[in-house]
C-alpha atoms as a PDB file:
ATOM      1  CA  MET A   1     -40.028 -21.336  88.694  1.00  0.00           C
ATOM      2  CA  LEU A   2     -39.515 -23.844  85.882  1.00  0.00           C
ATOM      3  CA  LYS A   3     -42.450 -26.121  85.196  1.00  0.00           C
ATOM      4  CA  THR A   4     -41.876 -29.862  84.880  1.00  0.00           C
ATOM      5  CA  ALA A   5     -42.987 -31.777  81.776  1.00  0.00           C
ATOM      6  CA  PRO A   6     -45.953 -33.452  83.546  1.00  0.00           C
ATOM      7  CA  ILE A   7     -47.236 -30.065  84.776  1.00  0.00           C
ATOM      8  CA  ILE A   8     -46.947 -28.570  81.296  1.00  0.00           C
ATOM      9  CA  LYS A   9     -48.661 -31.565  79.708  1.00  0.00           C
ATOM     10  CA  GLU A  10     -51.507 -31.438  82.224  1.00  0.00           C
ATOM     11  CA  ALA A  11     -51.914 -27.690  81.692  1.00  0.00           C
ATOM     12  CA  TRP A  12     -52.261 -28.146  77.933  1.00  0.00           C
ATOM     13  CA  LYS A  13     -54.842 -30.904  78.451  1.00  0.00           C
ATOM     14  CA  THR A  14     -56.795 -28.567  80.737  1.00  0.00           C
ATOM     15  CA  ILE A  15     -56.614 -25.684  78.243  1.00  0.00           C
ATOM     16  CA  ILE A  16     -57.785 -27.899  75.381  1.00  0.00           C
ATOM     17  CA  LEU A  17     -60.646 -29.246  77.503  1.00  0.00           C
ATOM     18  CA  PHE A  18     -61.744 -25.721  78.423  1.00  0.00           C
ATOM     19  CA  LEU A  19     -61.615 -24.556  74.803  1.00  0.00           C
ATOM     20  CA  THR A  20     -63.539 -27.603  73.603  1.00  0.00           C
ATOM     21  CA  LEU A  21     -66.287 -27.004  76.165  1.00  0.00           C
ATOM     22  CA  LEU A  22     -66.306 -23.282  75.377  1.00  0.00           C
ATOM     23  CA  THR A  23     -66.715 -23.996  71.662  1.00  0.00           C
ATOM     24  CA  ALA A  24     -69.609 -26.377  72.313  1.00  0.00           C
ATOM     25  CA  LEU A  25     -71.420 -24.081  74.746  1.00  0.00           C
ATOM     26  CA  SER A  26     -70.956 -20.900  72.719  1.00  0.00           C
ATOM     27  CA  SER A  27     -72.012 -22.701  69.523  1.00  0.00           C
ATOM     28  CA  ILE A  28     -75.312 -23.649  71.163  1.00  0.00           C
ATOM     29  CA  ALA A  29     -75.808 -20.047  72.288  1.00  0.00           C
ATOM     30  CA  TYR A  30     -74.966 -18.685  68.832  1.00  0.00           C
ATOM     31  CA  TYR A  31     -77.394 -21.101  67.201  1.00  0.00           C
ATOM     32  CA  ALA A  32     -80.117 -19.886  69.569  1.00  0.00           C
ATOM     33  CA  ILE A  33     -79.252 -16.230  68.863  1.00  0.00           C
ATOM     34  CA  LEU A  34     -79.580 -16.819  65.111  1.00  0.00           C
ATOM     35  CA  LYS A  35     -82.610 -19.125  65.089  1.00  0.00           C
ATOM     36  CA  LEU A  36     -84.705 -18.408  68.173  1.00  0.00           C
ATOM     37  CA  ASN A  37     -86.360 -15.486  69.957  1.00  0.00           C
ATOM     38  CA  PRO A  38     -86.004 -13.446  72.115  1.00  0.00           C
ATOM     39  CA  THR A  39     -82.312 -13.145  71.234  1.00  0.00           C
ATOM     40  CA  SER A  40     -81.433 -11.080  74.347  1.00  0.00           C
ATOM     41  CA  ILE A  41     -81.853 -14.148  76.536  1.00  0.00           C
ATOM     42  CA  TYR A  42     -79.495 -16.153  74.363  1.00  0.00           C
ATOM     43  CA  VAL A  43     -76.903 -13.364  74.286  1.00  0.00           C
ATOM     44  CA  GLY A  44     -76.875 -13.730  78.072  1.00  0.00           C
ATOM     45  CA  ALA A  45     -76.331 -17.471  77.624  1.00  0.00           C
ATOM     46  CA  LEU A  46     -73.402 -16.699  75.330  1.00  0.00           C
ATOM     47  CA  MET A  47     -71.809 -14.375  77.886  1.00  0.00           C
ATOM     48  CA  ILE A  48     -71.886 -16.990  80.652  1.00  0.00           C
ATOM     49  CA  SER A  49     -70.472 -19.750  78.440  1.00  0.00           C
ATOM     50  CA  PRO A  50     -66.818 -19.012  79.413  1.00  0.00           C
ATOM     51  CA  ALA A  51     -67.739 -19.310  83.105  1.00  0.00           C
ATOM     52  CA  LEU A  52     -69.690 -22.529  82.501  1.00  0.00           C
ATOM     53  CA  ALA A  53     -66.775 -23.974  80.515  1.00  0.00           C
ATOM     54  CA  ALA A  54     -64.432 -23.093  83.380  1.00  0.00           C
ATOM     55  CA  PHE A  55     -66.729 -24.622  86.027  1.00  0.00           C
ATOM     56  CA  ILE A  56     -67.159 -27.862  84.060  1.00  0.00           C
ATOM     57  CA  THR A  57     -63.412 -28.091  83.417  1.00  0.00           C
ATOM     58  CA  ILE A  58     -62.705 -27.590  87.113  1.00  0.00           C
ATOM     59  CA  LYS A  59     -65.259 -30.259  87.985  1.00  0.00           C
ATOM     60  CA  ILE A  60     -63.765 -32.753  85.518  1.00  0.00           C
ATOM     61  CA  LYS A  61     -60.271 -32.004  86.838  1.00  0.00           C
ATOM     62  CA  LYS A  62     -61.582 -32.514  90.393  1.00  0.00           C
ATOM     63  CA  ARG A  63     -60.579 -29.073  91.582  1.00  0.00           C
ATOM     64  CA  PRO A  64     -62.685 -27.017  94.003  1.00  0.00           C
ATOM     65  CA  ILE A  65     -64.493 -23.926  92.696  1.00  0.00           C
ATOM     66  CA  SER A  66     -62.632 -22.075  95.437  1.00  0.00           C
ATOM     67  CA  SER A  67     -59.426 -22.632  93.431  1.00  0.00           C
ATOM     68  CA  LEU A  68     -60.490 -19.723  91.219  1.00  0.00           C
ATOM     69  CA  PRO A  69     -59.134 -16.304  92.302  1.00  0.00           C
ATOM     70  CA  TRP A  70     -62.280 -15.050  94.054  1.00  0.00           C
ATOM     71  CA  SER A  71     -60.671 -13.050  96.853  1.00  0.00           C
ATOM     72  CA  LEU A  72     -59.452  -9.464  96.592  1.00  0.00           C
ATOM     73  CA  LYS A  73     -56.897  -8.268  99.128  1.00  0.00           C
ATOM     74  CA  ASP A  74     -55.837  -4.948  97.615  1.00  0.00           C
ATOM     75  CA  LEU A  75     -58.546  -2.489  96.538  1.00  0.00           C
ATOM     76  CA  LYS A  76     -56.111  -0.305  94.603  1.00  0.00           C
ATOM     77  CA  TYR A  77     -56.281  -2.631  91.602  1.00  0.00           C
ATOM     78  CA  LEU A  78     -60.072  -2.498  91.686  1.00  0.00           C
ATOM     79  CA  LYS A  79     -59.884   1.306  91.618  1.00  0.00           C
ATOM     80  CA  ARG A  80     -57.341   1.298  88.787  1.00  0.00           C
ATOM     81  CA  SER A  81     -59.392  -1.177  86.779  1.00  0.00           C
ATOM     82  CA  TYR A  82     -62.377   1.163  87.115  1.00  0.00           C
ATOM     83  CA  VAL A  83     -60.493   4.311  86.076  1.00  0.00           C
ATOM     84  CA  THR A  84     -58.376   2.878  83.227  1.00  0.00           C
ATOM     85  CA  PRO A  85     -61.155   2.233  80.656  1.00  0.00           C
ATOM     86  CA  ILE A  86     -62.763   5.599  81.456  1.00  0.00           C
ATOM     87  CA  LEU A  87     -59.418   7.262  80.750  1.00  0.00           C
ATOM     88  CA  TYR A  88     -58.630   5.630  77.406  1.00  0.00           C
ATOM     89  CA  VAL A  89     -62.221   5.799  76.108  1.00  0.00           C
ATOM     90  CA  SER A  90     -62.394   9.500  77.074  1.00  0.00           C
ATOM     91  CA  ILE A  91     -59.159  10.199  75.200  1.00  0.00           C
ATOM     92  CA  ALA A  92     -60.436   8.300  72.164  1.00  0.00           C
ATOM     93  CA  TYR A  93     -63.755  10.133  72.017  1.00  0.00           C
ATOM     94  CA  VAL A  94     -62.218  13.561  72.587  1.00  0.00           C
ATOM     95  CA  LEU A  95     -60.006  12.842  69.558  1.00  0.00           C
ATOM     96  CA  ILE A  96     -63.053  11.654  67.592  1.00  0.00           C
ATOM     97  CA  TRP A  97     -64.898  14.898  68.372  1.00  0.00           C
ATOM     98  CA  LEU A  98     -61.855  17.095  67.722  1.00  0.00           C
ATOM     99  CA  PHE A  99     -61.105  15.508  64.327  1.00  0.00           C
ATOM    100  CA  GLY A 100     -64.757  15.597  63.302  1.00  0.00           C
ATOM    101  CA  PHE A 101     -65.286  11.832  63.094  1.00  0.00           C
ATOM    102  CA  GLY A 102     -68.403  12.415  65.185  1.00  0.00           C
ATOM    103  CA  ASN A 103     -70.061  15.418  66.795  1.00  0.00           C
ATOM    104  CA  LEU A 104     -71.584  16.385  70.142  1.00  0.00           C
ATOM    105  CA  ILE A 105     -74.329  16.283  71.382  1.00  0.00           C
ATOM    106  CA  ASN A 106     -76.944  13.822  70.160  1.00  0.00           C
ATOM    107  CA  THR A 107     -80.220  15.476  71.174  1.00  0.00           C
ATOM    108  CA  GLU A 108     -82.154  12.220  70.684  1.00  0.00           C
ATOM    109  CA  THR A 109     -80.041  10.624  73.418  1.00  0.00           C
ATOM    110  CA  ILE A 110     -80.616  13.616  75.704  1.00  0.00           C
ATOM    111  CA  ALA A 111     -84.374  13.354  75.116  1.00  0.00           C
ATOM    112  CA  GLN A 112     -84.323   9.648  75.937  1.00  0.00           C
ATOM    113  CA  TRP A 113     -82.265  10.244  79.083  1.00  0.00           C
ATOM    114  CA  SER A 114     -84.613  13.070  80.085  1.00  0.00           C
ATOM    115  CA  ASP A 115     -87.626  10.750  79.843  1.00  0.00           C
ATOM    116  CA  GLU A 116     -85.893   8.042  81.866  1.00  0.00           C
ATOM    117  CA  LEU A 117     -84.830  10.471  84.591  1.00  0.00           C
ATOM    118  CA  GLY A 118     -88.000  12.573  84.678  1.00  0.00           C
ATOM    119  CA  ILE A 119     -85.948  15.754  84.222  1.00  0.00           C
ATOM    120  CA  ALA A 120     -86.838  18.424  81.652  1.00  0.00           C
ATOM    121  CA  GLU A 121     -84.924  17.981  78.393  1.00  0.00           C
ATOM    122  CA  SER A 122     -84.065  21.676  78.381  1.00  0.00           C
ATOM    123  CA  ASN A 123     -81.983  21.190  81.526  1.00  0.00           C
ATOM    124  CA  GLN A 124     -79.042  19.435  79.818  1.00  0.00           C
ATOM    125  CA  THR A 125     -76.614  20.610  82.485  1.00  0.00           C
ATOM    126  CA  LEU A 126     -78.467  18.332  84.905  1.00  0.00           C
ATOM    127  CA  VAL A 127     -79.612  15.485  82.634  1.00  0.00           C
ATOM    128  CA  ILE A 128     -76.144  14.623  81.282  1.00  0.00           C
ATOM    129  CA  PRO A 129     -74.135  14.468  84.556  1.00  0.00           C
ATOM    130  CA  VAL A 130     -76.921  12.676  86.452  1.00  0.00           C
ATOM    131  CA  MET A 131     -77.303   9.979  83.789  1.00  0.00           C
ATOM    132  CA  ILE A 132     -73.548   9.526  83.393  1.00  0.00           C
ATOM    133  CA  PHE A 133     -73.178   9.183  87.165  1.00  0.00           C
ATOM    134  CA  LEU A 134     -75.982   6.603  87.367  1.00  0.00           C
ATOM    135  CA  LEU A 135     -74.668   4.600  84.415  1.00  0.00           C
ATOM    136  CA  LEU A 136     -71.130   4.519  85.825  1.00  0.00           C
ATOM    137  CA  THR A 137     -72.377   3.358  89.223  1.00  0.00           C
ATOM    138  CA  VAL A 138     -75.717   1.535  89.105  1.00  0.00           C
ATOM    139  CA  GLY A 139     -75.237   0.592  85.440  1.00  0.00           C
ATOM    140  CA  VAL A 140     -71.774  -0.842  86.035  1.00  0.00           C
ATOM    141  CA  ILE A 141     -72.990  -2.886  89.011  1.00  0.00           C
ATOM    142  CA  LYS A 142     -75.972  -4.255  87.056  1.00  0.00           C
ATOM    143  CA  ASN A 143     -73.704  -5.157  84.128  1.00  0.00           C
ATOM    144  CA  LEU A 144     -71.281  -7.048  86.392  1.00  0.00           C
ATOM    145  CA  GLY A 145     -73.451 -10.157  86.161  1.00  0.00           C
ATOM    146  CA  SER A 146     -72.784 -10.326  82.426  1.00  0.00           C
ATOM    147  CA  THR A 147     -69.099  -9.469  82.523  1.00  0.00           C
ATOM    148  CA  LEU A 148     -68.485 -11.966  85.320  1.00  0.00           C
ATOM    149  CA  GLY A 149     -69.821 -14.659  82.992  1.00  0.00           C
ATOM    150  CA  GLU A 150     -66.920 -13.936  80.676  1.00  0.00           C
ATOM    151  CA  GLU A 151     -64.228 -12.952  83.162  1.00  0.00           C
ATOM    152  CA  ILE A 152     -64.552 -16.063  85.333  1.00  0.00           C
ATOM    153  CA  GLY A 153     -63.574 -17.956  82.200  1.00  0.00           C
ATOM    154  CA  TRP A 154     -61.006 -15.624  80.632  1.00  0.00           C
ATOM    155  CA  ARG A 155     -59.141 -14.048  83.529  1.00  0.00           C
ATOM    156  CA  GLY A 156     -60.319 -16.237  86.405  1.00  0.00           C
ATOM    157  CA  PHE A 157     -59.358 -19.490  84.712  1.00  0.00           C
ATOM    158  CA  LEU A 158     -57.789 -19.385  81.233  1.00  0.00           C
ATOM    159  CA  ILE A 159     -54.869 -17.010  81.764  1.00  0.00           C
ATOM    160  CA  PHE A 160     -53.803 -18.841  84.929  1.00  0.00           C
ATOM    161  CA  GLU A 161     -53.638 -22.083  82.929  1.00  0.00           C
ATOM    162  CA  LEU A 162     -51.814 -20.358  80.076  1.00  0.00           C
ATOM    163  CA  ARG A 163     -49.353 -18.954  82.600  1.00  0.00           C
ATOM    164  CA  LYS A 164     -48.187 -22.523  83.279  1.00  0.00           C
ATOM    165  CA  VAL A 165     -47.027 -22.970  79.695  1.00  0.00           C
ATOM    166  CA  MET A 166     -46.124 -19.512  78.347  1.00  0.00           C
ATOM    167  CA  SER A 167     -44.829 -16.046  79.202  1.00  0.00           C
ATOM    168  CA  PHE A 168     -46.947 -13.011  80.121  1.00  0.00           C
ATOM    169  CA  LYS A 169     -46.493 -11.593  76.632  1.00  0.00           C
ATOM    170  CA  SER A 170     -47.597 -14.804  74.936  1.00  0.00           C
ATOM    171  CA  LEU A 171     -50.549 -15.510  77.218  1.00  0.00           C
ATOM    172  CA  ALA A 172     -51.849 -11.960  76.784  1.00  0.00           C
ATOM    173  CA  ILE A 173     -51.809 -12.367  72.996  1.00  0.00           C
ATOM    174  CA  VAL A 174     -53.214 -15.912  72.988  1.00  0.00           C
ATOM    175  CA  SER A 175     -56.012 -15.153  75.457  1.00  0.00           C
ATOM    176  CA  GLY A 176     -56.813 -11.990  73.500  1.00  0.00           C
ATOM    177  CA  LEU A 177     -57.076 -13.865  70.202  1.00  0.00           C
ATOM    178  CA  ILE A 178     -59.348 -16.487  71.786  1.00  0.00           C
ATOM    179  CA  TRP A 179     -61.502 -13.737  73.296  1.00  0.00           C
ATOM    180  CA  ALA A 180     -61.723 -11.918  69.965  1.00  0.00           C
ATOM    181  CA  ILE A 181     -62.575 -15.049  67.940  1.00  0.00           C
ATOM    182  CA  TYR A 182     -65.316 -15.842  70.460  1.00  0.00           C
ATOM    183  CA  HIS A 183     -66.955 -12.533  69.418  1.00  0.00           C
ATOM    184  CA  PHE A 184     -66.533 -12.908  65.635  1.00  0.00           C
ATOM    185  CA  PRO A 185     -69.974 -14.465  64.991  1.00  0.00           C
ATOM    186  CA  ILE A 186     -71.646 -11.530  66.782  1.00  0.00           C
ATOM    187  CA  ILE A 187     -69.691  -9.034  64.664  1.00  0.00           C
ATOM    188  CA  ASN A 188     -70.642 -10.982  61.546  1.00  0.00           C
ATOM    189  CA  LEU A 189     -74.277 -10.864  62.672  1.00  0.00           C
ATOM    190  CA  MET A 190     -74.025  -7.083  63.099  1.00  0.00           C
ATOM    191  CA  TYR A 191     -72.035  -6.200  59.961  1.00  0.00           C
ATOM    192  CA  GLY A 192     -72.091  -9.299  57.734  1.00  0.00           C
ATOM    193  CA  SER A 193     -74.276  -7.677  55.089  1.00  0.00           C
ATOM    194  CA  GLY A 194     -72.004  -4.616  54.841  1.00  0.00           C
ATOM    195  CA  GLU A 195     -68.765  -4.036  52.980  1.00  0.00           C
ATOM    196  CA  ASN A 196     -66.746  -3.100  56.081  1.00  0.00           C
ATOM    197  CA  LEU A 197     -66.926  -6.406  57.961  1.00  0.00           C
ATOM    198  CA  LEU A 198     -63.154  -7.011  57.797  1.00  0.00           C
ATOM    199  CA  LEU A 199     -62.486  -3.462  59.021  1.00  0.00           C
ATOM    200  CA  HIS A 200     -64.747  -3.911  62.045  1.00  0.00           C
ATOM    201  CA  ILE A 201     -63.276  -7.321  62.897  1.00  0.00           C
ATOM    202  CA  SER A 202     -59.728  -5.935  62.623  1.00  0.00           C
ATOM    203  CA  ALA A 203     -60.490  -2.930  64.823  1.00  0.00           C
ATOM    204  CA  PHE A 204     -62.253  -5.039  67.429  1.00  0.00           C
ATOM    205  CA  THR A 205     -59.434  -7.613  67.503  1.00  0.00           C
ATOM    206  CA  LEU A 206     -56.805  -4.889  67.980  1.00  0.00           C
ATOM    207  CA  MET A 207     -58.813  -3.441  70.862  1.00  0.00           C
ATOM    208  CA  ILE A 208     -59.301  -6.846  72.500  1.00  0.00           C
ATOM    209  CA  LEU A 209     -55.576  -7.638  72.276  1.00  0.00           C
ATOM    210  CA  GLY A 210     -54.762  -4.366  74.016  1.00  0.00           C
ATOM    211  CA  MET A 211     -57.378  -4.958  76.690  1.00  0.00           C
ATOM    212  CA  SER A 212     -56.047  -8.492  77.254  1.00  0.00           C
ATOM    213  CA  VAL A 213     -52.613  -7.136  78.149  1.00  0.00           C
ATOM    214  CA  ILE A 214     -54.087  -4.651  80.622  1.00  0.00           C
ATOM    215  CA  LEU A 215     -56.504  -7.179  82.142  1.00  0.00           C
ATOM    216  CA  ALA A 216     -53.805  -9.826  82.525  1.00  0.00           C
ATOM    217  CA  TYR A 217     -51.669  -7.265  84.341  1.00  0.00           C
ATOM    218  CA  PHE A 218     -54.431  -6.283  86.775  1.00  0.00           C
ATOM    219  CA  THR A 219     -55.416  -9.918  87.336  1.00  0.00           C
ATOM    220  CA  PHE A 220     -51.930 -11.172  88.151  1.00  0.00           C
ATOM    221  CA  LYS A 221     -51.060  -8.149  90.277  1.00  0.00           C
ATOM    222  CA  SER A 222     -54.239  -8.508  92.343  1.00  0.00           C
ATOM    223  CA  ASN A 223     -54.451 -12.314  92.076  1.00  0.00           C
ATOM    224  CA  SER A 224     -58.183 -11.778  91.653  1.00  0.00           C
ATOM    225  CA  LEU A 225     -60.764 -11.889  88.860  1.00  0.00           C
ATOM    226  CA  TRP A 226     -62.730  -8.926  90.279  1.00  0.00           C
ATOM    227  CA  PRO A 227     -60.635  -6.108  88.766  1.00  0.00           C
ATOM    228  CA  ALA A 228     -61.134  -7.673  85.317  1.00  0.00           C
ATOM    229  CA  ALA A 229     -64.897  -7.980  85.830  1.00  0.00           C
ATOM    230  CA  VAL A 230     -65.176  -4.338  86.942  1.00  0.00           C
ATOM    231  CA  TYR A 231     -62.912  -3.131  84.112  1.00  0.00           C
ATOM    232  CA  HIS A 232     -64.954  -5.082  81.529  1.00  0.00           C
ATOM    233  CA  SER A 233     -68.230  -3.680  82.864  1.00  0.00           C
ATOM    234  CA  VAL A 234     -66.989  -0.066  82.917  1.00  0.00           C
ATOM    235  CA  HIS A 235     -65.549  -0.439  79.407  1.00  0.00           C
ATOM    236  CA  ASN A 236     -68.876  -1.705  78.036  1.00  0.00           C
ATOM    237  CA  ILE A 237     -71.078   0.826  79.823  1.00  0.00           C
ATOM    238  CA  TYR A 238     -68.926   3.866  79.087  1.00  0.00           C
ATOM    239  CA  ILE A 239     -68.708   3.120  75.363  1.00  0.00           C
ATOM    240  CA  GLN A 240     -72.098   1.552  74.649  1.00  0.00           C
ATOM    241  CA  LYS A 241     -74.310   3.586  76.987  1.00  0.00           C
ATOM    242  CA  ILE A 242     -72.541   6.951  77.212  1.00  0.00           C
ATOM    243  CA  CYS A 243     -69.925   7.991  74.640  1.00  0.00           C
ATOM    244  CA  THR A 244     -71.346   6.417  71.487  1.00  0.00           C
ATOM    245  CA  PRO A 245     -74.978   7.453  72.211  1.00  0.00           C
ATOM    246  CA  LEU A 246     -73.850  11.037  72.878  1.00  0.00           C
ATOM    247  CA  THR A 247     -72.029  11.172  69.529  1.00  0.00           C
ATOM    248  CA  ILE A 248     -73.718  12.225  66.280  1.00  0.00           C
ATOM    249  CA  SER A 249     -72.397  10.029  63.477  1.00  0.00           C
ATOM    250  CA  ASN A 250     -71.246  11.320  60.093  1.00  0.00           C
ATOM    251  CA  ASN A 251     -69.753   9.779  56.932  1.00  0.00           C
ATOM    252  CA  ASN A 252     -66.407   9.102  58.647  1.00  0.00           C
ATOM    253  CA  SER A 253     -67.779   7.704  61.891  1.00  0.00           C
ATOM    254  CA  THR A 254     -67.953   4.058  60.863  1.00  0.00           C
ATOM    255  CA  PHE A 255     -64.143   3.898  60.584  1.00  0.00           C
ATOM    256  CA  TRP A 256     -63.461   5.533  63.950  1.00  0.00           C
ATOM    257  CA  ILE A 257     -66.154   5.347  66.627  1.00  0.00           C
ATOM    258  CA  ASP A 258     -67.291   2.630  68.996  1.00  0.00           C
ATOM    259  CA  GLU A 259     -65.550  -0.705  69.616  1.00  0.00           C
ATOM    260  CA  TYR A 260     -65.596  -1.505  65.893  1.00  0.00           C
ATOM    261  CA  GLY A 261     -63.833   1.624  64.658  1.00  0.00           C
ATOM    262  CA  PHE A 262     -60.123   2.316  65.050  1.00  0.00           C
ATOM    263  CA  MET A 263     -59.811   5.206  67.525  1.00  0.00           C
ATOM    264  CA  ILE A 264     -60.447   3.215  70.713  1.00  0.00           C
ATOM    265  CA  PRO A 265     -58.180   0.332  69.552  1.00  0.00           C
ATOM    266  CA  ILE A 266     -55.348   2.774  68.795  1.00  0.00           C
ATOM    267  CA  VAL A 267     -55.546   4.445  72.212  1.00  0.00           C
ATOM    268  CA  THR A 268     -56.006   1.080  73.950  1.00  0.00           C
ATOM    269  CA  THR A 269     -52.878  -0.238  72.224  1.00  0.00           C
ATOM    270  CA  ILE A 270     -50.840   2.681  73.577  1.00  0.00           C
ATOM    271  CA  PHE A 271     -52.118   1.910  77.084  1.00  0.00           C
ATOM    272  CA  ALA A 272     -51.349  -1.788  76.530  1.00  0.00           C
ATOM    273  CA  ILE A 273     -47.734  -1.027  75.622  1.00  0.00           C
ATOM    274  CA  TYR A 274     -47.379   0.848  78.908  1.00  0.00           C
ATOM    275  CA  PHE A 275     -48.769  -2.084  80.919  1.00  0.00           C
ATOM    276  CA  TRP A 276     -46.731  -4.566  78.871  1.00  0.00           C
ATOM    277  CA  ARG A 277     -43.548  -2.735  79.854  1.00  0.00           C
ATOM    278  CA  LYS A 278     -44.687  -2.585  83.492  1.00  0.00           C
ATOM    279  CA  ALA A 279     -45.306  -6.329  83.469  1.00  0.00           C
ATOM    280  CA  LYS A 280     -41.838  -6.969  82.035  1.00  0.00           C
ATOM    281  CA  LYS A 281     -40.192  -4.670  84.580  1.00  0.00           C
ATOM    282  CA  GLU A 282     -42.085  -6.345  87.419  1.00  0.00           C
ATOM    283  CA  ASN A 283     -41.331  -9.870  86.158  1.00  0.00           C
ATOM    284  CA  LEU A 284     -44.963 -10.914  85.786  1.00  0.00           C
END
């Protein structure tokens, strides 16, 4: 359906308002992360800034909070959003291990997991599957609070506003770039003193753009923000708590592993192309 000029104009005003509030809120959080302690609390404040920006925008625009896509009618998209990041991260790390960009298994991680579980370190066949199971269930649920803080803003609000003024292809790219830029100060904080900062930013941005295509697809197909929140949580937990800790780094690892190396972004991009074509075929 074609949008009228007043609808388009109002949508742009809403988008600009949201981005202005997001910039202000995230700037405060970043200042606190850099200048105050403990930083973990302020990282949490950063992660909820997209949701807060969305809530304030909705309030200013006199819309009800219920206008956000809270409901979920079809569980299949929740299941697919859970499985998809596990699939592409698994492919990426198998390639990393096969090509020697990292090696299995990090015994320090196994020792740490053993202590946390109260299982003898020598019993790796039990420690590894039990911890992976717990992280991908309990860990994902616990992490949902953080990912919801972002996804209420990105997929629950922003892409629906962008949809009023641009195509699926354009909104996926634009929302992805905004999402990536929002993370740049954190990446600079992590790698700013190193010589590979541009490499890490480029890899992360490529990954985020691919994820934005996939997440936009799941969100519009389900008309719900919950698949995106689950997907985001699984993605974070599986990389940060499982695959990267289990990998022993070597001289080539910095260019390939984790969210700031290129293997995951490459595989994610291939998945994104698939979902991009599906979205086009299904007239999203």
